[in-house]
C-alpha atoms as a PDB file:
ATOM      1  CA  MET A   1       0.000   0.000   0.000  1.00  0.00           C
ATOM      2  CA  ILE A   2       1.281   3.478  -0.868  1.00  0.00           C
ATOM      3  CA  PHE A   3       1.557   5.680   2.212  1.00  0.00           C
ATOM      4  CA  GLN A   4       1.550   9.439   2.468  1.00  0.00           C
ATOM      5  CA  PHE A   5       5.079  10.845   2.627  1.00  0.00           C
ATOM      6  CA  LYS A   6       5.836  12.573   5.893  1.00  0.00           C
ATOM      7  CA  HIS A   7       9.214  13.971   6.745  1.00  0.00           C
ATOM      8  CA  GLU A   8       9.129  12.333  10.183  1.00  0.00           C
ATOM      9  CA  GLU A   9       9.066   8.850   8.630  1.00  0.00           C
ATOM     10  CA  PHE A  10      11.760   9.781   6.133  1.00  0.00           C
ATOM     11  CA  ILE A  11      14.029  11.176   8.861  1.00  0.00           C
ATOM     12  CA  ASN A  12      13.532   8.034  10.958  1.00  0.00           C
ATOM     13  CA  MET A  13      14.320   5.844   7.962  1.00  0.00           C
ATOM     14  CA  MET A  14      17.543   7.740   7.196  1.00  0.00           C
ATOM     15  CA  ASP A  15      18.529   7.546  10.870  1.00  0.00           C
ATOM     16  CA  GLN A  16      18.071   3.766  10.775  1.00  0.00           C
ATOM     17  CA  TYR A  17      20.670   3.584   7.999  1.00  0.00           C
ATOM     18  CA  SER A  18      22.943   5.986   9.926  1.00  0.00           C
ATOM     19  CA  PHE A  19      22.840   8.555   7.132  1.00  0.00           C
ATOM     20  CA  LYS A  20      23.743  11.908   8.590  1.00  0.00           C
ATOM     21  CA  CYS A  21      22.182  15.242   7.736  1.00  0.00           C
ATOM     22  CA  SER A  22      22.983  18.875   8.361  1.00  0.00           C
ATOM     23  CA  LYS A  23      20.309  20.856  10.202  1.00  0.00           C
ATOM     24  CA  ARG A  24      19.814  24.571   9.613  1.00  0.00           C
ATOM     25  CA  THR A  25      17.341  27.179  10.821  1.00  0.00           C
ATOM     26  CA  ILE A  26      16.844  29.777   8.099  1.00  0.00           C
ATOM     27  CA  PRO A  27      15.418  33.246   8.845  1.00  0.00           C
ATOM     28  CA  ALA A  28      12.354  34.509   7.011  1.00  0.00           C
ATOM     29  CA  ASN A  29      12.921  36.366   3.726  1.00  0.00           C
ATOM     30  CA  THR A  30      16.063  34.396   2.847  1.00  0.00           C
ATOM     31  CA  ILE A  31      16.878  33.267  -0.698  1.00  0.00           C
ATOM     32  CA  LEU A  32      17.752  29.559  -0.568  1.00  0.00           C
ATOM     33  CA  ASN A  33      19.346  29.192  -3.996  1.00  0.00           C
ATOM     34  CA  ASP A  34      22.768  30.294  -2.758  1.00  0.00           C
ATOM     35  CA  LEU A  35      22.654  27.653  -0.029  1.00  0.00           C
ATOM     36  CA  ALA A  36      21.798  25.028  -2.637  1.00  0.00           C
ATOM     37  CA  SER A  37      24.659  26.182  -4.884  1.00  0.00           C
ATOM     38  CA  GLU A  38      27.083  25.901  -1.973  1.00  0.00           C
ATOM     39  CA  ASN A  39      25.861  22.359  -1.214  1.00  0.00           C
ATOM     40  CA  LYS A  40      25.530  20.796  -4.656  1.00  0.00           C
ATOM     41  CA  GLU A  41      25.951  17.275  -3.297  1.00  0.00           C
ATOM     42  CA  ASP A  42      22.941  17.661  -1.008  1.00  0.00           C
ATOM     43  CA  LEU A  43      19.161  17.769  -1.210  1.00  0.00           C
ATOM     44  CA  ILE A  44      17.227  20.201   0.956  1.00  0.00           C
ATOM     45  CA  LEU A  45      14.213  18.895   2.876  1.00  0.00           C
ATOM     46  CA  LEU A  46      11.883  21.525   4.300  1.00  0.00           C
ATOM     47  CA  LYS A  47      11.044  20.314   7.805  1.00  0.00           C
ATOM     48  CA  THR A  48       9.043  23.313   9.029  1.00  0.00           C
ATOM     49  CA  GLY A  49       8.063  26.648   7.549  1.00  0.00           C
ATOM     50  CA  VAL A  50       6.666  28.067   4.315  1.00  0.00           C
ATOM     51  CA  ILE A  51       8.673  28.990   1.226  1.00  0.00           C
ATOM     52  CA  ALA A  52       7.701  30.576  -2.076  1.00  0.00           C
ATOM     53  CA  GLY A  53       9.044  29.434  -5.420  1.00  0.00           C
ATOM     54  CA  TYR A  54       9.283  32.381  -7.822  1.00  0.00           C
ATOM     55  CA  ILE A  55       9.212  31.784 -11.567  1.00  0.00           C
ATOM     56  CA  ASP A  56      10.032  35.487 -12.088  1.00  0.00           C
ATOM     57  CA  PHE A  57      11.543  36.881  -8.901  1.00  0.00           C
ATOM     58  CA  ASP A  58      12.148  40.395 -10.216  1.00  0.00           C
ATOM     59  CA  ASN A  59       8.444  40.770 -11.017  1.00  0.00           C
ATOM     60  CA  ASN A  60       7.178  38.903  -7.929  1.00  0.00           C
ATOM     61  CA  LYS A  61       5.597  36.076  -9.941  1.00  0.00           C
ATOM     62  CA  ILE A  62       5.108  33.074  -7.661  1.00  0.00           C
ATOM     63  CA  TYR A  63       4.950  29.616  -9.214  1.00  0.00           C
ATOM     64  CA  SER A  64       3.848  27.892  -6.006  1.00  0.00           C
ATOM     65  CA  LEU A  65       4.025  27.827  -2.220  1.00  0.00           C
ATOM     66  CA  PHE A  66       5.628  24.963  -0.307  1.00  0.00           C
ATOM     67  CA  ASN A  67       5.527  23.781   3.286  1.00  0.00           C
ATOM     68  CA  ASP A  68       6.955  20.872   5.267  1.00  0.00           C
ATOM     69  CA  ASN A  69       7.509  17.588   3.388  1.00  0.00           C
ATOM     70  CA  PHE A  70       8.930  19.397   0.343  1.00  0.00           C
ATOM     71  CA  PHE A  71      12.261  18.346  -1.196  1.00  0.00           C
ATOM     72  CA  MET A  72      13.733  21.386  -2.915  1.00  0.00           C
ATOM     73  CA  GLY A  73      15.495  20.542  -6.177  1.00  0.00           C
ATOM     74  CA  TYR A  74      14.767  16.817  -5.934  1.00  0.00           C
ATOM     75  CA  TYR A  75      15.232  16.435  -9.704  1.00  0.00           C
ATOM     76  CA  THR A  76      18.938  17.292  -9.313  1.00  0.00           C
ATOM     77  CA  ILE A  77      19.443  13.675  -8.223  1.00  0.00           C
ATOM     78  CA  PHE A  78      18.962  12.784 -11.890  1.00  0.00           C
ATOM     79  CA  GLU A  79      20.737  15.669 -13.602  1.00  0.00           C
ATOM     80  CA  GLU A  80      22.809  18.616 -12.446  1.00  0.00           C
ATOM     81  CA  ASN A  81      20.772  21.537 -13.716  1.00  0.00           C
ATOM     82  CA  PRO A  82      20.436  24.861 -11.910  1.00  0.00           C
ATOM     83  CA  PHE A  83      17.163  25.554 -10.138  1.00  0.00           C
ATOM     84  CA  VAL A  84      14.396  26.847 -12.367  1.00  0.00           C
ATOM     85  CA  LEU A  85      12.735  28.641  -9.453  1.00  0.00           C
ATOM     86  CA  THR A  86      14.031  31.172  -6.969  1.00  0.00           C
ATOM     87  CA  TYR A  87      13.156  29.892  -3.498  1.00  0.00           C
ATOM     88  CA  LYS A  88      12.523  32.363  -0.683  1.00  0.00           C
ATOM     89  CA  THR A  89      11.541  31.600   2.898  1.00  0.00           C
ATOM     90  CA  LEU A  90       8.350  33.364   3.940  1.00  0.00           C
ATOM     91  CA  THR A  91       8.711  32.225   7.550  1.00  0.00           C
ATOM     92  CA  GLU A  92      11.592  31.057   9.682  1.00  0.00           C
ATOM     93  CA  SER A  93      12.208  27.566   8.351  1.00  0.00           C
ATOM     94  CA  ASP A  94      13.974  24.445   9.572  1.00  0.00           C
ATOM     95  CA  ILE A  95      15.698  22.519   6.801  1.00  0.00           C
ATOM     96  CA  LEU A  96      17.713  19.323   6.581  1.00  0.00           C
ATOM     97  CA  LEU A  97      20.474  18.715   4.041  1.00  0.00           C
ATOM     98  CA  TYR A  98      20.915  15.087   2.959  1.00  0.00           C
ATOM     99  CA  ASN A  99      23.622  13.797   0.664  1.00  0.00           C
ATOM    100  CA  LYS A 100      22.098  12.944  -2.722  1.00  0.00           C
ATOM    101  CA  LYS A 101      23.864   9.588  -2.935  1.00  0.00           C
ATOM    102  CA  ASP A 102      22.533   8.598   0.487  1.00  0.00           C
ATOM    103  CA  VAL A 103      18.983   9.502  -0.552  1.00  0.00           C
ATOM    104  CA  GLU A 104      19.320   7.664  -3.857  1.00  0.00           C
ATOM    105  CA  TYR A 105      20.742   4.596  -2.115  1.00  0.00           C
ATOM    106  CA  SER A 106      18.031   4.439   0.538  1.00  0.00           C
ATOM    107  CA  LEU A 107      15.151   4.924  -1.915  1.00  0.00           C
ATOM    108  CA  SER A 108      16.325   2.644  -4.719  1.00  0.00           C
ATOM    109  CA  LEU A 109      17.740  -0.451  -3.026  1.00  0.00           C
ATOM    110  CA  PHE A 110      15.135  -1.212  -0.374  1.00  0.00           C
ATOM    111  CA  PRO A 111      11.614  -2.174  -1.556  1.00  0.00           C
ATOM    112  CA  GLU A 112      10.084  -1.059   1.736  1.00  0.00           C
ATOM    113  CA  ASN A 113      11.138   2.504   0.880  1.00  0.00           C
ATOM    114  CA  PHE A 114       9.658   2.670  -2.630  1.00  0.00           C
ATOM    115  CA  GLY A 115       6.567   4.396  -1.246  1.00  0.00           C
ATOM    116  CA  PHE A 116       8.692   7.408  -0.345  1.00  0.00           C
ATOM    117  CA  GLN A 117       9.826   7.766  -3.951  1.00  0.00           C
ATOM    118  CA  TYR A 118       6.249   7.724  -5.212  1.00  0.00           C
ATOM    119  CA  THR A 119       4.888  10.212  -2.728  1.00  0.00           C
ATOM    120  CA  ILE A 120       7.854  12.603  -2.978  1.00  0.00           C
ATOM    121  CA  MET A 121       7.316  12.801  -6.739  1.00  0.00           C
ATOM    122  CA  LYS A 122       3.563  13.163  -6.249  1.00  0.00           C
ATOM    123  CA  THR A 123       4.103  16.052  -3.830  1.00  0.00           C
ATOM    124  CA  ILE A 124       6.315  17.814  -6.376  1.00  0.00           C
ATOM    125  CA  ALA A 125       4.022  17.113  -9.343  1.00  0.00           C
ATOM    126  CA  ARG A 126       0.859  18.453  -7.748  1.00  0.00           C
ATOM    127  CA  HIS A 127       2.273  21.988  -7.712  1.00  0.00           C
ATOM    128  CA  GLY A 128       2.637  21.912 -11.491  1.00  0.00           C
ATOM    129  CA  TYR A 129      -0.767  20.280 -11.876  1.00  0.00           C
ATOM    130  CA  TYR A 130      -2.613  22.922  -9.870  1.00  0.00           C
ATOM    131  CA  LYS A 131      -0.698  25.767 -11.506  1.00  0.00           C
ATOM    132  CA  SER A 132      -1.726  24.445 -14.927  1.00  0.00           C
ATOM    133  CA  LEU A 133      -5.364  24.272 -13.851  1.00  0.00           C
ATOM    134  CA  LEU A 134      -5.141  27.819 -12.521  1.00  0.00           C
ATOM    135  CA  GLN A 135      -3.787  29.121 -15.829  1.00  0.00           C
ATOM    136  CA  TYR A 136      -6.803  27.753 -17.692  1.00  0.00           C
ATOM    137  CA  GLN A 137      -9.436  28.914 -15.232  1.00  0.00           C
ATOM    138  CA  ASN A 138     -11.913  31.540 -16.321  1.00  0.00           C
ATOM    139  CA  LYS A 139     -10.293  34.828 -15.292  1.00  0.00           C
ATOM    140  CA  LYS A 140     -13.545  35.906 -13.641  1.00  0.00           C
ATOM    141  CA  ASN A 141     -13.222  33.104 -11.085  1.00  0.00           C
ATOM    142  CA  GLN A 142      -9.471  32.677 -10.858  1.00  0.00           C
ATOM    143  CA  LEU A 143      -9.003  34.081  -7.359  1.00  0.00           C
ATOM    144  CA  ALA A 144     -11.634  31.748  -5.905  1.00  0.00           C
ATOM    145  CA  PHE A 145      -9.928  28.772  -7.537  1.00  0.00           C
ATOM    146  CA  ALA A 146      -6.504  29.984  -6.332  1.00  0.00           C
ATOM    147  CA  LEU A 147      -7.757  30.088  -2.737  1.00  0.00           C
ATOM    148  CA  GLU A 148      -9.090  26.542  -2.991  1.00  0.00           C
ATOM    149  CA  THR A 149      -5.755  25.456  -4.448  1.00  0.00           C
ATOM    150  CA  LEU A 150      -3.662  27.099  -1.719  1.00  0.00           C
ATOM    151  CA  VAL A 151      -5.731  25.428   0.993  1.00  0.00           C
ATOM    152  CA  LYS A 152      -4.810  22.082  -0.591  1.00  0.00           C
ATOM    153  CA  LEU A 153      -1.153  22.863  -1.276  1.00  0.00           C
ATOM    154  CA  LEU A 154      -0.515  24.111   2.260  1.00  0.00           C
ATOM    155  CA  ASP A 155      -2.438  21.192   3.822  1.00  0.00           C
ATOM    156  CA  THR A 156      -4.583  23.705   5.671  1.00  0.00           C
ATOM    157  CA  GLN A 157      -6.833  22.148   8.274  1.00  0.00           C
ATOM    158  CA  ILE A 158     -10.547  22.771   7.766  1.00  0.00           C
ATOM    159  CA  VAL A 159     -12.471  23.186  11.021  1.00  0.00           C
ATOM    160  CA  ASP A 160     -16.251  23.582  10.951  1.00  0.00           C
ATOM    161  CA  GLY A 161     -16.064  24.443   7.269  1.00  0.00           C
ATOM    162  CA  LEU A 162     -13.450  27.173   7.776  1.00  0.00           C
ATOM    163  CA  ALA A 163      -9.850  27.145   6.544  1.00  0.00           C
ATOM    164  CA  THR A 164      -7.423  29.599   8.138  1.00  0.00           C
ATOM    165  CA  LEU A 165      -4.331  30.284   6.059  1.00  0.00           C
ATOM    166  CA  PRO A 166      -0.957  30.889   7.743  1.00  0.00           C
ATOM    167  CA  LYS A 167      -0.469  34.529   8.720  1.00  0.00           C
ATOM    168  CA  VAL A 168       2.330  34.918   6.184  1.00  0.00           C
ATOM    169  CA  ILE A 169      -0.073  34.163   3.300  1.00  0.00           C
ATOM    170  CA  SER A 170      -1.154  37.745   2.722  1.00  0.00           C
ATOM    171  CA  THR A 171      -3.275  39.154  -0.074  1.00  0.00           C
ATOM    172  CA  THR A 172      -0.026  40.296  -1.718  1.00  0.00           C
ATOM    173  CA  ILE A 173       1.333  36.730  -1.741  1.00  0.00           C
ATOM    174  CA  ILE A 174      -1.941  35.433  -3.179  1.00  0.00           C
ATOM    175  CA  GLU A 175      -1.948  38.175  -5.816  1.00  0.00           C
ATOM    176  CA  ASN A 176       1.581  37.173  -6.838  1.00  0.00           C
ATOM    177  CA  TYR A 177       0.463  33.539  -7.117  1.00  0.00           C
ATOM    178  CA  CYS A 178      -2.468  34.412  -9.378  1.00  0.00           C
ATOM    179  CA  THR A 179      -2.060  35.528 -12.979  1.00  0.00           C
ATOM    180  CA  LEU A 180      -4.549  38.374 -12.683  1.00  0.00           C
ATOM    181  CA  SER A 181      -3.980  42.068 -13.197  1.00  0.00           C
ATOM    182  CA  ARG A 182      -3.917  44.088  -9.980  1.00  0.00           C
ATOM    183  CA  ALA A 183      -7.281  45.723 -10.699  1.00  0.00           C
ATOM    184  CA  PHE A 184      -8.947  42.406 -11.568  1.00  0.00           C
ATOM    185  CA  PHE A 185      -7.480  40.733  -8.470  1.00  0.00           C
ATOM    186  CA  TYR A 186      -8.797  43.333  -6.030  1.00  0.00           C
ATOM    187  CA  ALA A 187     -12.183  43.440  -7.741  1.00  0.00           C
ATOM    188  CA  GLN A 188     -12.522  39.681  -7.195  1.00  0.00           C
ATOM    189  CA  LEU A 189     -11.215  39.971  -3.643  1.00  0.00           C
ATOM    190  CA  LYS A 190     -13.914  42.533  -2.843  1.00  0.00           C
ATOM    191  CA  GLU A 191     -16.548  40.258  -4.365  1.00  0.00           C
ATOM    192  CA  LEU A 192     -15.428  37.335  -2.179  1.00  0.00           C
ATOM    193  CA  LYS A 193     -15.351  39.523   0.932  1.00  0.00           C
ATOM    194  CA  ASP A 194     -18.828  40.887   0.235  1.00  0.00           C
ATOM    195  CA  ALA A 195     -20.116  37.319  -0.207  1.00  0.00           C
ATOM    196  CA  GLY A 196     -18.639  36.291   3.154  1.00  0.00           C
ATOM    197  CA  ILE A 197     -16.307  33.773   1.510  1.00  0.00           C
ATOM    198  CA  ILE A 198     -13.092  35.357   2.782  1.00  0.00           C
ATOM    199  CA  SER A 199     -12.446  37.458   5.869  1.00  0.00           C
ATOM    200  CA  LYS A 200      -9.581  38.370   8.158  1.00  0.00           C
ATOM    201  CA  VAL A 201      -9.520  36.931  11.680  1.00  0.00           C
ATOM    202  CA  GLN A 202      -6.631  37.749  14.027  1.00  0.00           C
ATOM    203  CA  SER A 203      -4.503  38.942  11.099  1.00  0.00           C
ATOM    204  CA  LYS A 204      -5.062  35.675   9.190  1.00  0.00           C
ATOM    205  CA  LEU A 205      -7.181  35.097   6.107  1.00  0.00           C
ATOM    206  CA  GLN A 206     -10.091  32.780   6.836  1.00  0.00           C
ATOM    207  CA  ILE A 207     -12.030  31.061   4.070  1.00  0.00           C
ATOM    208  CA  ASN A 208     -15.562  29.697   4.210  1.00  0.00           C
ATOM    209  CA  MET A 209     -14.905  26.475   2.303  1.00  0.00           C
ATOM    210  CA  HIS A 210     -18.573  25.533   1.895  1.00  0.00           C
ATOM    211  CA  ALA A 211     -19.311  28.836   0.165  1.00  0.00           C
ATOM    212  CA  LEU A 212     -16.050  28.759  -1.804  1.00  0.00           C
ATOM    213  CA  ASN A 213     -16.594  25.225  -3.111  1.00  0.00           C
ATOM    214  CA  ALA A 214     -20.182  26.038  -4.047  1.00  0.00           C
ATOM    215  CA  LYS A 215     -18.965  29.024  -6.069  1.00  0.00           C
ATOM    216  CA  ASN A 216     -16.196  27.046  -7.761  1.00  0.00           C
ATOM    217  CA  ASP A 217     -18.466  24.085  -8.557  1.00  0.00           C
ATOM    218  CA  ILE A 218     -20.552  26.357 -10.775  1.00  0.00           C
ATOM    219  CA  THR A 219     -17.580  27.236 -12.990  1.00  0.00           C
ATOM    220  CA  ARG A 220     -15.648  23.951 -13.077  1.00  0.00           C
END
Protein backbone atom coordinates (compact mmCIF):
# COMPACT_ATOMS: atom_id res chain seq x y z
CA MET A 1 0.00 0.00 0.00
CA ILE A 2 1.28 3.48 -0.87
CA PHE A 3 1.56 5.68 2.21
CA GLN A 4 1.55 9.44 2.47
CA PHE A 5 5.08 10.84 2.63
CA LYS A 6 5.84 12.57 5.89
CA HIS A 7 9.21 13.97 6.74
CA GLU A 8 9.13 12.33 10.18
CA GLU A 9 9.07 8.85 8.63
CA PHE A 10 11.76 9.78 6.13
CA ILE A 11 14.03 11.18 8.86
CA ASN A 12 13.53 8.03 10.96
CA MET A 13 14.32 5.84 7.96
CA MET A 14 17.54 7.74 7.20
CA ASP A 15 18.53 7.55 10.87
CA GLN A 16 18.07 3.77 10.77
CA TYR A 17 20.67 3.58 8.00
CA SER A 18 22.94 5.99 9.93
CA PHE A 19 22.84 8.55 7.13
CA LYS A 20 23.74 11.91 8.59
CA CYS A 21 22.18 15.24 7.74
CA SER A 22 22.98 18.88 8.36
CA LYS A 23 20.31 20.86 10.20
CA ARG A 24 19.81 24.57 9.61
CA THR A 25 17.34 27.18 10.82
CA ILE A 26 16.84 29.78 8.10
CA PRO A 27 15.42 33.25 8.84
CA ALA A 28 12.35 34.51 7.01
CA ASN A 29 12.92 36.37 3.73
CA THR A 30 16.06 34.40 2.85
CA ILE A 31 16.88 33.27 -0.70
CA LEU A 32 17.75 29.56 -0.57
CA ASN A 33 19.35 29.19 -4.00
CA ASP A 34 22.77 30.29 -2.76
CA LEU A 35 22.65 27.65 -0.03
CA ALA A 36 21.80 25.03 -2.64
CA SER A 37 24.66 26.18 -4.88
CA GLU A 38 27.08 25.90 -1.97
CA ASN A 39 25.86 22.36 -1.21
CA LYS A 40 25.53 20.80 -4.66
CA GLU A 41 25.95 17.28 -3.30
CA ASP A 42 22.94 17.66 -1.01
CA LEU A 43 19.16 17.77 -1.21
CA ILE A 44 17.23 20.20 0.96
CA LEU A 45 14.21 18.89 2.88
CA LEU A 46 11.88 21.53 4.30
CA LYS A 47 11.04 20.31 7.80
CA THR A 48 9.04 23.31 9.03
CA GLY A 49 8.06 26.65 7.55
CA VAL A 50 6.67 28.07 4.31
CA ILE A 51 8.67 28.99 1.23
CA ALA A 52 7.70 30.58 -2.08
CA GLY A 53 9.04 29.43 -5.42
CA TYR A 54 9.28 32.38 -7.82
CA ILE A 55 9.21 31.78 -11.57
CA ASP A 56 10.03 35.49 -12.09
CA PHE A 57 11.54 36.88 -8.90
CA ASP A 58 12.15 40.39 -10.22
CA ASN A 59 8.44 40.77 -11.02
CA ASN A 60 7.18 38.90 -7.93
CA LYS A 61 5.60 36.08 -9.94
CA ILE A 62 5.11 33.07 -7.66
CA TYR A 63 4.95 29.62 -9.21
CA SER A 64 3.85 27.89 -6.01
CA LEU A 65 4.02 27.83 -2.22
CA PHE A 66 5.63 24.96 -0.31
CA ASN A 67 5.53 23.78 3.29
CA ASP A 68 6.95 20.87 5.27
CA ASN A 69 7.51 17.59 3.39
CA PHE A 70 8.93 19.40 0.34
CA PHE A 71 12.26 18.35 -1.20
CA MET A 72 13.73 21.39 -2.91
CA GLY A 73 15.50 20.54 -6.18
CA TYR A 74 14.77 16.82 -5.93
CA TYR A 75 15.23 16.44 -9.70
CA THR A 76 18.94 17.29 -9.31
CA ILE A 77 19.44 13.67 -8.22
CA PHE A 78 18.96 12.78 -11.89
CA GLU A 79 20.74 15.67 -13.60
CA GLU A 80 22.81 18.62 -12.45
CA ASN A 81 20.77 21.54 -13.72
CA PRO A 82 20.44 24.86 -11.91
CA PHE A 83 17.16 25.55 -10.14
CA VAL A 84 14.40 26.85 -12.37
CA LEU A 85 12.73 28.64 -9.45
CA THR A 86 14.03 31.17 -6.97
CA TYR A 87 13.16 29.89 -3.50
CA LYS A 88 12.52 32.36 -0.68
CA THR A 89 11.54 31.60 2.90
CA LEU A 90 8.35 33.36 3.94
CA THR A 91 8.71 32.23 7.55
CA GLU A 92 11.59 31.06 9.68
CA SER A 93 12.21 27.57 8.35
CA ASP A 94 13.97 24.44 9.57
CA ILE A 95 15.70 22.52 6.80
CA LEU A 96 17.71 19.32 6.58
CA LEU A 97 20.47 18.72 4.04
CA TYR A 98 20.91 15.09 2.96
CA ASN A 99 23.62 13.80 0.66
CA LYS A 100 22.10 12.94 -2.72
CA LYS A 101 23.86 9.59 -2.94
CA ASP A 102 22.53 8.60 0.49
CA VAL A 103 18.98 9.50 -0.55
CA GLU A 104 19.32 7.66 -3.86
CA TYR A 105 20.74 4.60 -2.12
CA SER A 106 18.03 4.44 0.54
CA LEU A 107 15.15 4.92 -1.92
CA SER A 108 16.33 2.64 -4.72
CA LEU A 109 17.74 -0.45 -3.03
CA PHE A 110 15.13 -1.21 -0.37
CA PRO A 111 11.61 -2.17 -1.56
CA GLU A 112 10.08 -1.06 1.74
CA ASN A 113 11.14 2.50 0.88
CA PHE A 114 9.66 2.67 -2.63
CA GLY A 115 6.57 4.40 -1.25
CA PHE A 116 8.69 7.41 -0.34
CA GLN A 117 9.83 7.77 -3.95
CA TYR A 118 6.25 7.72 -5.21
CA THR A 119 4.89 10.21 -2.73
CA ILE A 120 7.85 12.60 -2.98
CA MET A 121 7.32 12.80 -6.74
CA LYS A 122 3.56 13.16 -6.25
CA THR A 123 4.10 16.05 -3.83
CA ILE A 124 6.32 17.81 -6.38
CA ALA A 125 4.02 17.11 -9.34
CA ARG A 126 0.86 18.45 -7.75
CA HIS A 127 2.27 21.99 -7.71
CA GLY A 128 2.64 21.91 -11.49
CA TYR A 129 -0.77 20.28 -11.88
CA TYR A 130 -2.61 22.92 -9.87
CA LYS A 131 -0.70 25.77 -11.51
CA SER A 132 -1.73 24.45 -14.93
CA LEU A 133 -5.36 24.27 -13.85
CA LEU A 134 -5.14 27.82 -12.52
CA GLN A 135 -3.79 29.12 -15.83
CA TYR A 136 -6.80 27.75 -17.69
CA GLN A 137 -9.44 28.91 -15.23
CA ASN A 138 -11.91 31.54 -16.32
CA LYS A 139 -10.29 34.83 -15.29
CA LYS A 140 -13.55 35.91 -13.64
CA ASN A 141 -13.22 33.10 -11.09
CA GLN A 142 -9.47 32.68 -10.86
CA LEU A 143 -9.00 34.08 -7.36
CA ALA A 144 -11.63 31.75 -5.90
CA PHE A 145 -9.93 28.77 -7.54
CA ALA A 146 -6.50 29.98 -6.33
CA LEU A 147 -7.76 30.09 -2.74
CA GLU A 148 -9.09 26.54 -2.99
CA THR A 149 -5.75 25.46 -4.45
CA LEU A 150 -3.66 27.10 -1.72
CA VAL A 151 -5.73 25.43 0.99
CA LYS A 152 -4.81 22.08 -0.59
CA LEU A 153 -1.15 22.86 -1.28
CA LEU A 154 -0.51 24.11 2.26
CA ASP A 155 -2.44 21.19 3.82
CA THR A 156 -4.58 23.70 5.67
CA GLN A 157 -6.83 22.15 8.27
CA ILE A 158 -10.55 22.77 7.77
CA VAL A 159 -12.47 23.19 11.02
CA ASP A 160 -16.25 23.58 10.95
CA GLY A 161 -16.06 24.44 7.27
CA LEU A 162 -13.45 27.17 7.78
CA ALA A 163 -9.85 27.14 6.54
CA THR A 164 -7.42 29.60 8.14
CA LEU A 165 -4.33 30.28 6.06
CA PRO A 166 -0.96 30.89 7.74
CA LYS A 167 -0.47 34.53 8.72
CA VAL A 168 2.33 34.92 6.18
CA ILE A 169 -0.07 34.16 3.30
CA SER A 170 -1.15 37.74 2.72
CA THR A 171 -3.27 39.15 -0.07
CA THR A 172 -0.03 40.30 -1.72
CA ILE A 173 1.33 36.73 -1.74
CA ILE A 174 -1.94 35.43 -3.18
CA GLU A 175 -1.95 38.18 -5.82
CA ASN A 176 1.58 37.17 -6.84
CA TYR A 177 0.46 33.54 -7.12
CA CYS A 178 -2.47 34.41 -9.38
CA THR A 179 -2.06 35.53 -12.98
CA LEU A 180 -4.55 38.37 -12.68
CA SER A 181 -3.98 42.07 -13.20
CA ARG A 182 -3.92 44.09 -9.98
CA ALA A 183 -7.28 45.72 -10.70
CA PHE A 184 -8.95 42.41 -11.57
CA PHE A 185 -7.48 40.73 -8.47
CA TYR A 186 -8.80 43.33 -6.03
CA ALA A 187 -12.18 43.44 -7.74
CA GLN A 188 -12.52 39.68 -7.19
CA LEU A 189 -11.22 39.97 -3.64
CA LYS A 190 -13.91 42.53 -2.84
CA GLU A 191 -16.55 40.26 -4.37
CA LEU A 192 -15.43 37.34 -2.18
CA LYS A 193 -15.35 39.52 0.93
CA ASP A 194 -18.83 40.89 0.23
CA ALA A 195 -20.12 37.32 -0.21
CA GLY A 196 -18.64 36.29 3.15
CA ILE A 197 -16.31 33.77 1.51
CA ILE A 198 -13.09 35.36 2.78
CA SER A 199 -12.45 37.46 5.87
CA LYS A 200 -9.58 38.37 8.16
CA VAL A 201 -9.52 36.93 11.68
CA GLN A 202 -6.63 37.75 14.03
CA SER A 203 -4.50 38.94 11.10
CA LYS A 204 -5.06 35.68 9.19
CA LEU A 205 -7.18 35.10 6.11
CA GLN A 206 -10.09 32.78 6.84
CA ILE A 207 -12.03 31.06 4.07
CA ASN A 208 -15.56 29.70 4.21
CA MET A 209 -14.91 26.48 2.30
CA HIS A 210 -18.57 25.53 1.90
CA ALA A 211 -19.31 28.84 0.16
CA LEU A 212 -16.05 28.76 -1.80
CA ASN A 213 -16.59 25.22 -3.11
CA ALA A 214 -20.18 26.04 -4.05
CA LYS A 215 -18.96 29.02 -6.07
CA ASN A 216 -16.20 27.05 -7.76
CA ASP A 217 -18.47 24.09 -8.56
CA ILE A 218 -20.55 26.36 -10.77
CA THR A 219 -17.58 27.24 -12.99
CA ARG A 220 -15.65 23.95 -13.08
